[in-house]
Protein backbone atom coordinates (compact mmCIF):
# COMPACT_ATOMS: atom_id res chain seq x y z
CA MET A 1 38.66 2.81 119.75
CA ALA A 2 35.63 3.07 117.80
CA GLY A 3 32.69 2.78 120.32
CA ARG A 4 34.18 4.62 123.51
CA ARG A 5 32.47 7.85 124.52
CA PRO A 6 34.50 10.82 124.76
CA LYS A 7 35.21 11.54 128.13
CA GLY A 8 32.73 15.41 129.78
CA TYR A 9 29.63 16.59 129.30
CA ARG A 10 27.45 16.25 126.39
CA TYR A 11 24.69 18.97 126.11
CA GLY A 12 21.78 18.45 124.34
CA GLN A 13 17.91 18.76 123.80
CA TRP A 14 15.55 17.54 127.20
CA ARG A 15 14.52 13.99 126.52
CA GLY A 16 14.17 12.68 130.36
CA GLY A 17 10.09 13.73 131.09
CA PRO A 18 8.59 16.35 131.56
CA ASP A 19 10.14 20.17 131.00
CA PRO A 20 10.85 21.23 134.02
CA LEU A 21 10.53 24.59 133.52
CA ALA A 22 6.87 24.38 131.87
CA PRO A 23 3.66 26.37 133.90
CA PRO A 24 2.38 25.53 136.51
CA TYR A 25 5.24 27.75 138.38
CA ASP A 26 3.73 31.15 139.35
CA VAL A 27 7.29 34.17 139.50
CA ALA A 28 5.80 36.43 139.81
CA ALA A 29 4.74 34.41 143.42
CA ALA A 30 8.12 33.40 143.84
CA VAL A 31 9.18 37.41 143.60
CA ASP A 32 6.24 38.38 145.96
CA GLU A 33 7.54 35.28 148.91
CA ILE A 34 11.70 36.43 148.61
CA GLY A 35 10.66 40.31 148.43
CA ASP A 36 8.53 39.80 151.88
CA GLN A 37 11.51 37.93 153.02
CA VAL A 38 14.15 40.30 152.52
CA LEU A 39 11.55 43.39 153.98
CA ALA A 40 11.20 40.93 156.98
CA GLY A 41 15.02 41.33 157.38
CA SER A 42 16.76 38.20 155.42
CA GLY A 43 19.08 38.66 152.38
CA VAL A 44 18.56 37.91 148.78
CA ARG A 45 20.79 35.08 149.10
CA GLU A 46 18.87 33.62 152.09
CA ALA A 47 15.39 34.61 151.23
CA MET A 48 16.51 32.82 147.72
CA ARG A 49 17.94 30.04 149.52
CA ASP A 50 15.01 28.64 151.71
CA LEU A 51 12.86 29.27 148.54
CA LEU A 52 14.82 26.49 146.62
CA ARG A 53 14.48 24.64 149.51
CA ARG A 54 10.66 24.89 151.30
CA GLY A 55 9.23 25.01 147.87
CA ILE A 56 5.93 27.60 147.19
CA ASP A 57 2.56 26.74 146.47
CA GLY A 58 2.26 23.36 148.26
CA ARG A 59 4.70 22.15 146.45
CA ARG A 60 8.64 20.94 147.35
CA GLY A 61 11.85 22.58 147.41
CA LEU A 62 14.43 21.56 145.07
């Protein structure tokens, strides 16, 4: 069966556009946001979930 691709996933170098992990993401600001939410009474898991949904610095969340 020449030409058929095997089932499953194939991992390799990212080739689909800009690097999703490239700057200008501010890791320190994200940690500060999570810390503020935890100090306000939220759990770490909930704070991280909210940050991913809401985003930071005017950027969309995931």
